[in-house]
PDB file of N, CA and C in Angstrom:
ATOM      1  N   MET A   1       0.931  -1.132  -0.010  1.00  0.00           N
ATOM      2  CA  MET A   1       0.071  -0.057   0.005  1.00  0.00           C
ATOM      3  C   MET A   1       0.986   1.367  -0.026  1.00  0.00           C
ATOM      4  N   ASP A   2       0.559   2.336  -0.753  1.00  0.00           N
ATOM      5  CA  ASP A   2       1.270   3.485  -0.838  1.00  0.00           C
ATOM      6  C   ASP A   2       1.056   4.423   0.431  1.00  0.00           C
ATOM      7  N   GLN A   3       1.941   4.579   1.176  1.00  0.00           N
ATOM      8  CA  GLN A   3       1.742   5.365   2.544  1.00  0.00           C
ATOM      9  C   GLN A   3       1.131   6.797   2.188  1.00  0.00           C
ATOM     10  N   ARG A   4       1.421   7.401   1.070  1.00  0.00           N
ATOM     11  CA  ARG A   4       0.898   8.636   0.858  1.00  0.00           C
ATOM     12  C   ARG A   4      -0.662   8.648   0.651  1.00  0.00           C
ATOM     13  N   ASN A   5      -1.171   7.775   0.091  1.00  0.00           N
ATOM     14  CA  ASN A   5      -2.574   7.468  -0.231  1.00  0.00           C
ATOM     15  C   ASN A   5      -3.276   7.047   1.071  1.00  0.00           C
ATOM     16  N   ARG A   6      -2.695   6.544   2.073  1.00  0.00           N
ATOM     17  CA  ARG A   6      -3.369   5.891   3.071  1.00  0.00           C
ATOM     18  C   ARG A   6      -4.258   6.962   4.029  1.00  0.00           C
ATOM     19  N   ASP A   7      -5.335   6.363   4.524  1.00  0.00           N
ATOM     20  CA  ASP A   7      -6.252   7.097   5.415  1.00  0.00           C
ATOM     21  C   ASP A   7      -5.466   7.318   6.759  1.00  0.00           C
ATOM     22  N   PRO A   8      -5.100   8.346   7.303  1.00  0.00           N
ATOM     23  CA  PRO A   8      -4.447   8.357   8.653  1.00  0.00           C
ATOM     24  C   PRO A   8      -5.165   7.937   9.755  1.00  0.00           C
ATOM     25  N   ARG A   9      -6.570   7.930   9.668  1.00  0.00           N
ATOM     26  CA  ARG A   9      -7.503   7.560  10.719  1.00  0.00           C
ATOM     27  C   ARG A   9      -7.394   6.080  11.011  1.00  0.00           C
ATOM     28  N   LYS A  10      -6.912   5.223   9.843  1.00  0.00           N
ATOM     29  CA  LYS A  10      -7.085   3.761   9.821  1.00  0.00           C
ATOM     30  C   LYS A  10      -5.561   3.230  10.414  1.00  0.00           C
ATOM     31  N   PRO A  11      -5.646   2.489  11.246  1.00  0.00           N
ATOM     32  CA  PRO A  11      -4.321   1.930  11.578  1.00  0.00           C
ATOM     33  C   PRO A  11      -3.708   1.059  10.560  1.00  0.00           C
ATOM     34  N   ILE A  12      -2.313   0.995  10.575  1.00  0.00           N
ATOM     35  CA  ILE A  12      -1.527  -0.048   9.782  1.00  0.00           C
ATOM     36  C   ILE A  12      -1.583  -1.258  10.434  1.00  0.00           C
ATOM     37  N   LEU A  13      -2.108  -2.269   9.922  1.00  0.00           N
ATOM     38  CA  LEU A  13      -2.259  -3.608  10.561  1.00  0.00           C
ATOM     39  C   LEU A  13      -1.209  -4.497   9.940  1.00  0.00           C
ATOM     40  N   SER A  14      -0.272  -4.965  10.822  1.00  0.00           N
ATOM     41  CA  SER A  14       0.842  -5.977  10.241  1.00  0.00           C
ATOM     42  C   SER A  14       0.680  -7.362  10.546  1.00  0.00           C
ATOM     43  N   ASP A  15      -0.473  -7.753  11.371  1.00  0.00           N
ATOM     44  CA  ASP A  15      -0.608  -9.095  11.562  1.00  0.00           C
ATOM     45  C   ASP A  15      -1.746  -9.781  10.739  1.00  0.00           C
ATOM     46  N   GLY A  16      -2.239  -8.954   9.659  1.00  0.00           N
ATOM     47  CA  GLY A  16      -3.294  -9.577   8.697  1.00  0.00           C
ATOM     48  C   GLY A  16      -4.781  -9.438   9.145  1.00  0.00           C
ATOM     49  N   ASP A  17      -4.966  -8.692  10.337  1.00  0.00           N
ATOM     50  CA  ASP A  17      -6.233  -8.390  10.574  1.00  0.00           C
ATOM     51  C   ASP A  17      -6.776  -7.260   9.789  1.00  0.00           C
ATOM     52  N   LYS A  18      -8.129  -7.231   9.648  1.00  0.00           N
ATOM     53  CA  LYS A  18      -8.802  -6.113   8.851  1.00  0.00           C
ATOM     54  C   LYS A  18      -9.493  -5.303   9.737  1.00  0.00           C
ATOM     55  N   PRO A  19      -9.273  -4.000   9.523  1.00  0.00           N
ATOM     56  CA  PRO A  19     -10.043  -3.108  10.366  1.00  0.00           C
ATOM     57  C   PRO A  19     -11.608  -3.270  10.304  1.00  0.00           C
ATOM     58  N   ILE A  20     -12.352  -2.995  11.524  1.00  0.00           N
ATOM     59  CA  ILE A  20     -13.865  -2.990  11.305  1.00  0.00           C
ATOM     60  C   ILE A  20     -14.442  -1.903  10.399  1.00  0.00           C
ATOM     61  N   PRO A  21     -15.189  -2.092   9.339  1.00  0.00           N
ATOM     62  CA  PRO A  21     -15.757  -1.073   8.587  1.00  0.00           C
ATOM     63  C   PRO A  21     -16.629  -0.014   9.462  1.00  0.00           C
ATOM     64  N   GLU A  22     -16.372   1.193   8.980  1.00  0.00           N
ATOM     65  CA  GLU A  22     -16.975   2.193   9.814  1.00  0.00           C
ATOM     66  C   GLU A  22     -18.491   2.164   9.877  1.00  0.00           C
ATOM     67  N   ASP A  23     -19.150   1.597   8.787  1.00  0.00           N
ATOM     68  CA  ASP A  23     -20.600   1.420   8.902  1.00  0.00           C
ATOM     69  C   ASP A  23     -21.168   0.439   9.918  1.00  0.00           C
ATOM     70  N   ILE A  24     -20.255  -0.374  10.334  1.00  0.00           N
ATOM     71  CA  ILE A  24     -20.621  -1.531  11.368  1.00  0.00           C
ATOM     72  C   ILE A  24     -20.475  -0.892  12.863  1.00  0.00           C
ATOM     73  N   TYR A  25     -19.596   0.175  12.964  1.00  0.00           N
ATOM     74  CA  TYR A  25     -19.403   0.762  14.395  1.00  0.00           C
ATOM     75  C   TYR A  25     -20.674   1.114  15.150  1.00  0.00           C
ATOM     76  N   PRO A  26     -21.634   1.750  14.415  1.00  0.00           N
ATOM     77  CA  PRO A  26     -22.846   2.070  15.308  1.00  0.00           C
ATOM     78  C   PRO A  26     -23.660   0.995  15.934  1.00  0.00           C
ATOM     79  N   VAL A  27     -23.556  -0.220  14.828  1.00  0.00           N
ATOM     80  CA  VAL A  27     -24.227  -1.451  15.432  1.00  0.00           C
ATOM     81  C   VAL A  27     -23.735  -2.200  16.645  1.00  0.00           C
ATOM     82  N   ILE A  28     -22.154  -2.105  16.575  1.00  0.00           N
ATOM     83  CA  ILE A  28     -21.497  -2.655  17.561  1.00  0.00           C
ATOM     84  C   ILE A  28     -21.745  -1.701  18.987  1.00  0.00           C
ATOM     85  N   ASP A  29     -21.729  -0.400  18.676  1.00  0.00           N
ATOM     86  CA  ASP A  29     -21.886   0.385  19.767  1.00  0.00           C
ATOM     87  C   ASP A  29     -23.233   0.244  20.480  1.00  0.00           C
ATOM     88  N   THR A  30     -24.276  -0.090  19.616  1.00  0.00           N
ATOM     89  CA  THR A  30     -25.593  -0.082  20.216  1.00  0.00           C
ATOM     90  C   THR A  30     -25.698  -1.498  20.792  1.00  0.00           C
ATOM     91  N   ASP A  31     -25.105  -2.442  20.238  1.00  0.00           N
ATOM     92  CA  ASP A  31     -25.123  -3.886  20.824  1.00  0.00           C
ATOM     93  C   ASP A  31     -24.414  -3.795  22.272  1.00  0.00           C
ATOM     94  N   LEU A  32     -23.176  -3.297  22.348  1.00  0.00           N
ATOM     95  CA  LEU A  32     -22.495  -3.308  23.547  1.00  0.00           C
ATOM     96  C   LEU A  32     -23.407  -2.416  24.620  1.00  0.00           C
ATOM     97  N   ALA A  33     -23.855  -1.245  24.214  1.00  0.00           N
ATOM     98  CA  ALA A  33     -24.581  -0.506  25.161  1.00  0.00           C
ATOM     99  C   ALA A  33     -25.823  -1.233  25.760  1.00  0.00           C
ATOM    100  N   ARG A  34     -26.457  -1.940  24.840  1.00  0.00           N
ATOM    101  CA  ARG A  34     -27.602  -2.783  25.299  1.00  0.00           C
ATOM    102  C   ARG A  34     -27.266  -3.877  26.087  1.00  0.00           C
ATOM    103  N   ASP A  35     -26.152  -4.598  25.776  1.00  0.00           N
ATOM    104  CA  ASP A  35     -25.638  -5.631  26.664  1.00  0.00           C
ATOM    105  C   ASP A  35     -25.264  -5.024  28.137  1.00  0.00           C
ATOM    106  N   ASN A  36     -24.677  -3.946  28.144  1.00  0.00           N
ATOM    107  CA  ASN A  36     -24.390  -3.283  29.392  1.00  0.00           C
ATOM    108  C   ASN A  36     -25.468  -3.119  30.269  1.00  0.00           C
ATOM    109  N   LEU A  37     -26.510  -2.521  29.530  1.00  0.00           N
ATOM    110  CA  LEU A  37     -27.703  -2.267  30.313  1.00  0.00           C
ATOM    111  C   LEU A  37     -28.377  -3.470  30.846  1.00  0.00           C
ATOM    112  N   GLU A  38     -28.543  -4.346  29.935  1.00  0.00           N
ATOM    113  CA  GLU A  38     -29.235  -5.759  30.215  1.00  0.00           C
ATOM    114  C   GLU A  38     -28.451  -6.439  31.470  1.00  0.00           C
ATOM    115  N   ASN A  39     -27.247  -6.380  31.353  1.00  0.00           N
ATOM    116  CA  ASN A  39     -26.375  -7.186  32.341  1.00  0.00           C
ATOM    117  C   ASN A  39     -25.832  -6.402  33.561  1.00  0.00           C
ATOM    118  N   ASN A  40     -26.354  -5.155  33.460  1.00  0.00           N
ATOM    119  CA  ASN A  40     -26.112  -4.234  34.540  1.00  0.00           C
ATOM    120  C   ASN A  40     -24.587  -4.198  34.861  1.00  0.00           C
ATOM    121  N   ILE A  41     -23.721  -4.099  33.827  1.00  0.00           N
ATOM    122  CA  ILE A  41     -22.337  -4.058  33.809  1.00  0.00           C
ATOM    123  C   ILE A  41     -21.774  -2.957  34.803  1.00  0.00           C
ATOM    124  N   PRO A  42     -22.168  -1.828  34.790  1.00  0.00           N
ATOM    125  CA  PRO A  42     -21.708  -0.689  35.516  1.00  0.00           C
ATOM    126  C   PRO A  42     -21.733  -1.157  37.100  1.00  0.00           C
ATOM    127  N   ALA A  43     -22.854  -1.771  37.607  1.00  0.00           N
ATOM    128  CA  ALA A  43     -22.861  -2.332  38.876  1.00  0.00           C
ATOM    129  C   ALA A  43     -21.883  -3.450  39.166  1.00  0.00           C
ATOM    130  N   ALA A  44     -21.766  -4.297  38.215  1.00  0.00           N
ATOM    131  CA  ALA A  44     -20.819  -5.410  38.461  1.00  0.00           C
ATOM    132  C   ALA A  44     -19.373  -4.922  38.452  1.00  0.00           C
ATOM    133  N   ASP A  45     -19.258  -3.731  37.761  1.00  0.00           N
ATOM    134  CA  ASP A  45     -17.754  -3.113  37.775  1.00  0.00           C
ATOM    135  C   ASP A  45     -17.547  -2.638  39.347  1.00  0.00           C
ATOM    136  N   LEU A  46     -18.532  -2.339  40.074  1.00  0.00           N
ATOM    137  CA  LEU A  46     -18.230  -1.662  41.323  1.00  0.00           C
ATOM    138  C   LEU A  46     -18.137  -2.848  42.320  1.00  0.00           C
ATOM    139  N   GLU A  47     -18.352  -4.110  42.071  1.00  0.00           N
ATOM    140  CA  GLU A  47     -18.442  -5.161  43.070  1.00  0.00           C
ATOM    141  C   GLU A  47     -17.023  -5.716  42.887  1.00  0.00           C
ATOM    142  N   ASP A  48     -16.693  -6.322  44.187  1.00  0.00           N
ATOM    143  CA  ASP A  48     -15.397  -7.224  44.233  1.00  0.00           C
ATOM    144  C   ASP A  48     -15.727  -8.573  43.789  1.00  0.00           C
ATOM    145  N   LEU A  49     -15.131  -8.935  42.676  1.00  0.00           N
ATOM    146  CA  LEU A  49     -15.641 -10.350  42.081  1.00  0.00           C
ATOM    147  C   LEU A  49     -14.610 -11.416  42.552  1.00  0.00           C
TER     148      LEU A  49
END
């Protein structure tokens, strides 16, 4: 890949992993937020496990 044409917001990955497409991030954020609310993650973080 030509470094001059690379998008500086996207990391250079040397291990072969592909970055998550930007159009997927809202879905991931929504799922994580819903899971945190459903599982009461903030309260669990305050407890000694």
